[in-house]
Protein backbone atom coordinates (compact mmCIF):
# COMPACT_ATOMS: atom_id res chain seq x y z
CA MET A 1 184.81 -8.15 -14.91
CA SER A 2 182.65 -8.37 -11.80
CA ASP A 3 180.08 -11.10 -11.31
CA GLY A 4 177.32 -8.50 -11.52
CA CYS A 5 178.47 -7.34 -14.97
CA ALA A 6 178.77 -10.91 -16.22
CA GLU A 7 175.22 -11.72 -15.10
CA LYS A 8 173.84 -8.57 -16.74
CA LEU A 9 175.59 -9.36 -20.03
CA GLN A 10 174.29 -12.93 -19.97
CA SER A 11 170.77 -11.65 -19.34
CA LEU A 12 171.16 -9.14 -22.16
CA ALA A 13 172.36 -11.88 -24.51
CA ARG A 14 169.25 -13.89 -23.66
CA GLU A 15 167.03 -10.90 -24.52
CA VAL A 16 168.82 -10.29 -27.83
CA VAL A 17 168.53 -13.97 -28.83
CA ARG A 18 164.77 -13.84 -28.22
CA THR A 19 164.53 -11.18 -30.93
CA TYR A 20 165.89 -13.74 -33.40
CA GLU A 21 162.77 -15.89 -33.03
CA GLY A 22 159.77 -15.91 -35.36
CA ASP A 23 159.33 -15.25 -39.06
CA ASP A 24 160.47 -11.63 -38.68
CA GLY A 25 163.61 -12.54 -36.76
CA ILE A 26 165.78 -11.20 -39.61
CA ASN A 27 168.55 -13.73 -39.23
CA ARG A 28 169.95 -16.59 -41.29
CA ILE A 29 171.87 -18.45 -38.63
CA GLY A 30 173.31 -21.66 -40.06
CA GLU A 31 172.37 -20.65 -43.61
CA LYS A 32 175.28 -21.47 -45.91
CA GLU A 33 173.57 -20.91 -49.25
CA LEU A 34 172.73 -17.23 -48.96
CA PRO A 35 175.49 -15.21 -50.71
CA SER A 36 177.67 -13.31 -48.26
CA LEU A 37 178.98 -9.78 -48.59
CA ALA A 38 182.51 -11.08 -48.00
CA ARG A 39 182.28 -13.49 -50.95
CA VAL A 40 180.86 -10.82 -53.24
CA GLU A 41 183.62 -8.39 -52.24
CA SER A 42 186.28 -11.02 -52.91
CA LEU A 43 184.72 -11.76 -56.29
CA LEU A 44 184.62 -8.08 -57.25
CA GLU A 45 188.22 -7.47 -56.26
CA ARG A 46 189.38 -10.30 -58.52
CA LEU A 47 187.15 -9.11 -61.38
CA LEU A 48 188.55 -5.59 -61.04
CA THR A 49 192.06 -7.05 -61.19
CA VAL A 50 191.18 -8.61 -64.56
CA ILE A 51 189.54 -5.42 -65.83
CA TYR A 52 192.30 -3.10 -64.58
CA PRO A 53 195.50 -5.18 -64.32
CA GLY A 54 198.24 -3.36 -62.47
CA TYR A 55 195.76 -0.93 -60.91
CA TYR A 56 193.98 -3.46 -58.71
CA GLY A 57 195.58 -6.47 -57.06
CA ARG A 58 199.32 -6.99 -56.82
CA PRO A 59 201.84 -5.13 -59.00
CA ILE A 60 202.62 -7.02 -62.21
CA SER A 61 206.15 -7.32 -63.58
CA GLY A 62 206.71 -6.37 -67.19
CA ARG A 63 208.31 -9.81 -67.64
CA SER A 64 205.17 -11.61 -66.50
CA CYS A 65 203.19 -13.85 -68.82
CA MET A 66 199.82 -12.09 -68.76
CA GLU A 67 198.01 -15.04 -70.28
CA THR A 68 199.16 -17.23 -67.39
CA ILE A 69 198.16 -14.60 -64.82
CA VAL A 70 194.73 -14.03 -66.35
CA ALA A 71 194.13 -17.78 -66.72
CA ALA A 72 194.79 -18.20 -62.99
CA HIS A 73 192.31 -15.43 -62.17
CA LEU A 74 189.70 -16.89 -64.51
CA ASP A 75 190.10 -20.33 -62.97
CA ALA A 76 189.56 -18.91 -59.47
CA LEU A 77 186.65 -16.77 -60.68
CA PHE A 78 184.96 -19.75 -62.32
CA VAL A 79 185.15 -21.85 -59.16
CA GLU A 80 183.95 -19.00 -56.95
CA MET A 81 181.16 -17.87 -59.28
CA ALA A 82 179.85 -21.36 -60.02
CA GLY A 83 179.70 -22.11 -56.30
CA MET A 84 177.98 -18.82 -55.51
CA ILE A 85 175.45 -19.23 -58.32
CA GLU A 86 174.67 -22.80 -57.30
CA SER A 87 174.13 -21.91 -53.65
CA THR A 88 172.07 -18.82 -54.50
CA LEU A 89 169.75 -20.73 -56.84
CA SER A 90 169.43 -23.51 -54.29
CA PHE A 91 168.49 -20.98 -51.62
CA CYS A 92 165.84 -19.39 -53.85
CA SER A 93 164.45 -22.81 -54.71
CA HIS A 94 164.01 -24.19 -51.20
CA GLU A 95 162.82 -20.83 -49.84
CA LYS A 96 160.37 -20.48 -52.77
CA LEU A 97 161.31 -16.83 -53.06
CA HIS A 98 159.47 -14.51 -55.41
CA THR A 99 162.00 -12.96 -57.78
CA PRO A 100 161.17 -10.09 -60.19
CA ARG A 101 163.03 -11.79 -63.04
CA PRO A 102 162.95 -15.46 -64.10
CA LEU A 103 165.79 -17.46 -62.58
CA PRO A 104 168.31 -19.15 -64.91
CA GLU A 105 166.72 -22.34 -66.22
CA ALA A 106 168.37 -25.72 -66.51
CA ARG A 107 168.49 -27.44 -69.87
CA GLU A 108 167.18 -30.96 -70.32
CA GLY A 109 169.26 -33.37 -68.23
CA GLU A 110 171.16 -30.54 -66.53
CA ASN A 111 171.38 -30.54 -62.73
CA LEU A 112 171.83 -27.47 -60.55
CA ARG A 113 175.62 -27.69 -60.50
CA ALA A 114 175.84 -27.96 -64.27
CA LEU A 115 173.46 -25.01 -64.65
CA ALA A 116 175.61 -22.94 -62.28
CA GLU A 117 178.80 -23.83 -64.13
CA ARG A 118 177.27 -22.97 -67.50
CA THR A 119 175.97 -19.64 -66.15
CA ALA A 120 179.40 -18.82 -64.70
CA MET A 121 181.15 -19.74 -67.95
CA ASP A 122 178.71 -17.66 -70.01
CA TYR A 123 179.35 -14.71 -67.71
CA LEU A 124 183.12 -15.00 -67.89
CA GLY A 125 182.87 -15.31 -71.66
CA GLY A 126 181.53 -11.76 -71.69
CA LEU A 127 184.59 -10.26 -69.97
CA PRO A 128 186.21 -9.04 -73.23
CA GLU A 129 183.01 -7.15 -74.08
CA MET A 130 182.78 -5.73 -70.55
CA ARG A 131 186.37 -4.55 -70.73
CA ALA A 132 185.72 -2.96 -74.14
CA LEU A 133 182.86 -0.96 -72.61
CA VAL A 134 184.98 0.06 -69.64
CA LYS A 135 187.65 1.38 -72.03
CA THR A 136 185.04 3.74 -73.52
CA ASP A 137 184.10 4.94 -70.02
CA VAL A 138 187.75 5.64 -69.15
CA ARG A 139 188.10 7.62 -72.37
CA ALA A 140 184.87 9.53 -71.69
CA ALA A 141 186.06 10.49 -68.21
CA PHE A 142 189.49 11.62 -69.42
CA GLU A 143 188.16 13.59 -72.37
CA GLY A 144 185.18 14.95 -70.45
CA ASP A 145 187.04 16.47 -67.51
CA PRO A 146 189.65 19.18 -68.13
CA ALA A 147 191.06 18.51 -64.66
CA ALA A 148 192.01 14.92 -65.55
CA MET A 149 195.78 14.63 -65.98
CA GLY A 150 195.64 11.20 -67.58
CA ARG A 151 193.95 7.83 -67.68
CA ASP A 152 195.91 6.64 -64.65
CA GLU A 153 194.34 9.36 -62.52
CA VAL A 154 190.88 8.58 -63.88
CA ILE A 155 191.17 4.88 -63.03
CA LEU A 156 192.72 5.40 -59.60
CA CYS A 157 190.78 8.42 -58.38
CA TYR A 158 187.39 8.86 -60.06
CA PRO A 159 184.48 7.39 -58.03
CA GLY A 160 182.08 7.70 -60.95
CA LEU A 161 184.27 5.42 -63.05
CA LEU A 162 184.47 2.79 -60.30
CA ALA A 163 180.68 2.82 -59.91
CA VAL A 164 180.13 2.47 -63.66
CA THR A 165 182.75 -0.29 -63.93
CA VAL A 166 181.09 -2.32 -61.20
CA HIS A 167 177.78 -1.78 -62.97
CA ARG A 168 179.30 -3.15 -66.18
CA LEU A 169 180.27 -6.26 -64.18
CA ALA A 170 176.92 -6.63 -62.39
CA HIS A 171 174.51 -5.95 -65.26
CA PRO A 172 175.11 -9.25 -67.16
CA LEU A 173 174.33 -11.24 -63.99
CA TYR A 174 171.13 -9.24 -63.56
CA ARG A 175 170.14 -9.95 -67.17
CA ALA A 176 170.85 -13.65 -66.61
CA GLY A 177 168.27 -13.64 -63.80
CA LEU A 178 170.63 -14.25 -60.88
CA PRO A 179 169.16 -12.66 -57.73
CA PHE A 180 171.00 -10.96 -54.85
CA VAL A 181 174.55 -11.03 -56.25
CA PRO A 182 174.36 -8.22 -58.87
CA ARG A 183 172.56 -5.94 -56.42
CA MET A 184 175.18 -6.69 -53.76
CA MET A 185 177.91 -5.85 -56.26
CA ASN A 186 176.42 -2.46 -57.03
CA GLU A 187 175.80 -1.75 -53.33
CA TRP A 188 179.50 -2.46 -52.72
CA ALA A 189 180.28 0.31 -55.20
CA HIS A 190 177.53 2.54 -53.76
CA ALA A 191 179.10 2.38 -50.30
CA ARG A 192 182.50 3.40 -51.69
CA THR A 193 181.49 6.05 -54.20
CA GLY A 194 178.13 7.52 -53.21
CA VAL A 195 176.80 6.52 -56.65
CA ASP A 196 173.70 4.29 -56.57
CA ILE A 197 173.17 2.47 -59.88
CA HIS A 198 170.66 -0.38 -59.96
CA PRO A 199 172.15 -3.35 -61.84
CA GLY A 200 169.11 -3.45 -64.12
CA ALA A 201 169.82 -0.07 -65.72
CA ALA A 202 170.84 -0.29 -69.39
CA ILE A 203 173.81 1.99 -70.04
CA GLY A 204 175.48 2.62 -73.40
CA PRO A 205 179.18 3.23 -74.10
CA ASN A 206 181.23 6.32 -73.22
CA PHE A 207 179.31 7.04 -70.02
CA PHE A 208 180.80 9.58 -67.61
CA ILE A 209 179.58 10.48 -64.12
CA ASP A 210 181.55 13.55 -63.02
CA HIS A 211 182.20 13.88 -59.26
CA GLY A 212 179.55 11.23 -58.64
CA THR A 213 178.31 11.83 -55.10
CA GLY A 214 174.55 11.45 -54.75
CA VAL A 215 173.82 10.09 -58.23
CA VAL A 216 170.86 7.67 -58.34
CA ILE A 217 170.00 5.63 -61.45
CA GLY A 218 166.91 3.42 -61.20
CA GLU A 219 166.39 -0.14 -62.40
CA THR A 220 164.57 0.53 -65.67
CA SER A 221 166.61 3.56 -66.71
CA GLU A 222 167.95 3.48 -70.27
CA ILE A 223 171.00 5.58 -71.08
CA GLY A 224 172.39 5.99 -74.58
CA ALA A 225 175.93 6.60 -75.82
CA ARG A 226 178.19 9.48 -74.82
CA VAL A 227 176.00 10.65 -71.93
CA LYS A 228 177.52 12.81 -69.19
CA ILE A 229 175.89 13.45 -65.81
CA TYR A 230 177.05 15.33 -62.74
CA GLN A 231 176.73 14.86 -59.00
CA GLY A 232 173.34 14.69 -57.35
CA VAL A 233 171.44 13.65 -60.49
CA THR A 234 168.45 11.34 -59.99
CA LEU A 235 166.94 9.16 -62.71
CA GLY A 236 163.98 7.95 -60.70
CA ALA A 237 160.36 6.84 -60.68
CA LEU A 238 157.16 8.78 -60.15
CA SER A 239 154.62 7.59 -57.56
CA PHE A 240 154.25 3.82 -57.80
CA ARG A 241 151.05 2.09 -58.85
CA LYS A 242 149.47 -0.08 -56.16
CA THR A 243 147.47 -3.32 -56.19
CA ALA A 244 143.97 -3.66 -54.75
CA ASP A 245 145.41 -4.78 -51.41
CA GLY A 246 147.75 -1.78 -51.21
CA GLY A 247 150.95 -3.50 -52.31
CA LEU A 248 153.29 -2.05 -54.92
CA VAL A 249 152.93 -3.16 -58.53
CA LYS A 250 156.23 -4.79 -59.43
CA GLY A 251 157.95 -4.46 -62.79
CA GLY A 252 157.20 -2.18 -65.73
CA LYS A 253 159.11 0.79 -67.10
CA ARG A 254 159.36 3.23 -64.20
CA HIS A 255 162.52 5.22 -64.91
CA PRO A 256 163.47 7.64 -67.70
CA THR A 257 165.25 7.14 -70.99
CA ILE A 258 168.25 9.34 -71.77
CA GLU A 259 169.18 9.34 -75.46
CA ASP A 260 172.65 9.79 -77.00
CA ASP A 261 174.92 12.78 -76.29
CA VAL A 262 172.83 14.22 -73.45
CA THR A 263 174.38 16.24 -70.61
CA VAL A 264 172.60 16.42 -67.24
CA TYR A 265 174.01 18.95 -64.79
CA ALA A 266 174.22 18.73 -61.00
CA ASN A 267 171.17 17.97 -58.86
CA ALA A 268 168.75 17.62 -61.76
CA THR A 269 165.87 15.22 -61.14
CA ILE A 270 164.36 13.30 -64.07
CA LEU A 271 161.44 11.02 -63.25
CA GLY A 272 159.09 8.55 -64.88
CA GLY A 273 159.10 5.71 -67.38
CA ASP A 274 157.46 7.86 -70.07
CA THR A 275 160.04 10.61 -69.73
CA ILE A 276 162.47 10.60 -72.65
CA ILE A 277 165.29 13.11 -72.86
CA GLY A 278 165.98 13.58 -76.56
CA ALA A 279 169.42 13.26 -78.09
CA ARG A 280 171.94 16.09 -77.66
CA SER A 281 169.77 17.85 -75.06
CA VAL A 282 171.14 19.68 -72.02
CA ILE A 283 169.36 19.55 -68.66
CA GLY A 284 170.43 22.38 -66.37
CA GLY A 285 171.39 22.01 -62.74
CA GLY A 286 168.54 21.65 -60.28
CA CYS A 287 165.87 21.09 -62.94
CA TRP A 288 162.82 18.91 -62.21
CA VAL A 289 161.79 17.03 -65.37
CA VAL A 290 158.77 14.71 -65.57
CA GLU A 291 157.76 15.15 -69.20
CA PRO A 292 159.56 14.24 -72.46
CA VAL A 293 162.18 16.67 -73.74
CA ALA A 294 162.72 17.10 -77.49
CA PRO A 295 166.11 16.46 -79.09
CA ASP A 296 168.58 19.36 -79.06
CA ALA A 297 166.66 21.13 -76.27
CA MET A 298 168.23 23.15 -73.46
CA ILE A 299 166.26 23.04 -70.20
CA LEU A 300 167.57 25.66 -67.79
CA THR A 301 164.57 26.12 -65.49
CA HIS A 302 162.27 23.75 -63.59
CA THR A 303 159.83 21.85 -65.80
CA HIS A 304 156.44 21.90 -64.08
CA SER A 305 153.81 19.17 -64.23
CA ASP A 306 150.56 18.21 -62.53
CA ARG A 307 151.82 14.66 -62.11
CA GLU A 308 152.70 13.34 -58.67
CA GLY A 309 156.23 13.45 -57.32
CA PRO A 310 158.65 10.60 -56.74
CA GLY A 311 157.47 7.49 -54.95
């Protein structure tokens, strides 16, 4: 490298570093408490190994003691999760961040580390229930797609199942009030599958997203049992309410409710917190729905409304 190039690069580095200054410098240099994408990815990979043993992680011998293997994973998960929860709560505390949901609260005489360990243990205690839900999703995908040759193919190849599985793992952390981490988990799945599910969405058993690409499910969506949706479906919000100073009103039911046994075909858009799709209904491909739909209905054309579009 010539001296001229070295000087130019040094000057450029100086200019870039100046952009790090100020409140809008968008950097966290030296910040050890903010959860990292690498830690979240590592956590998810180990969780997926527990949920789908033999599919994720290393091959497992049929002579292995599964209890010993799972215990080792749980031990590592507890240490990693407790540390991540402690550092995340500490970060929120000293930064005085506004969070949309109440943070986990310490009990009397409980310090931050003890709170983090209890939160991690409570989360891990829900793994059998999470795995039970995932089993229903695997079954729904296999039974709902005539092209599926077996459950192995569904688990290994279906992006919709991966996205839903990660949501099953992230949702309990969201409900516990932990910020950042559940959203990062779902964004990890979003990047790999094209399916964007907010960790706040409440999703019942036997949920199947066929093909998956372009699906968006908003934070306050509620989805019942045995629901099937196709690629490009949006469960979104209508135009957002604003405060007197022009800011967005946070919270409230903004996304639709989908009752049991509903099918929503490709590229349908369903918007609004007051929009309820009744049980056993079918929403045709490309439909725009912003009003409630009665049970057992079949909507095959656009549903018009004077209400504003998505915000």
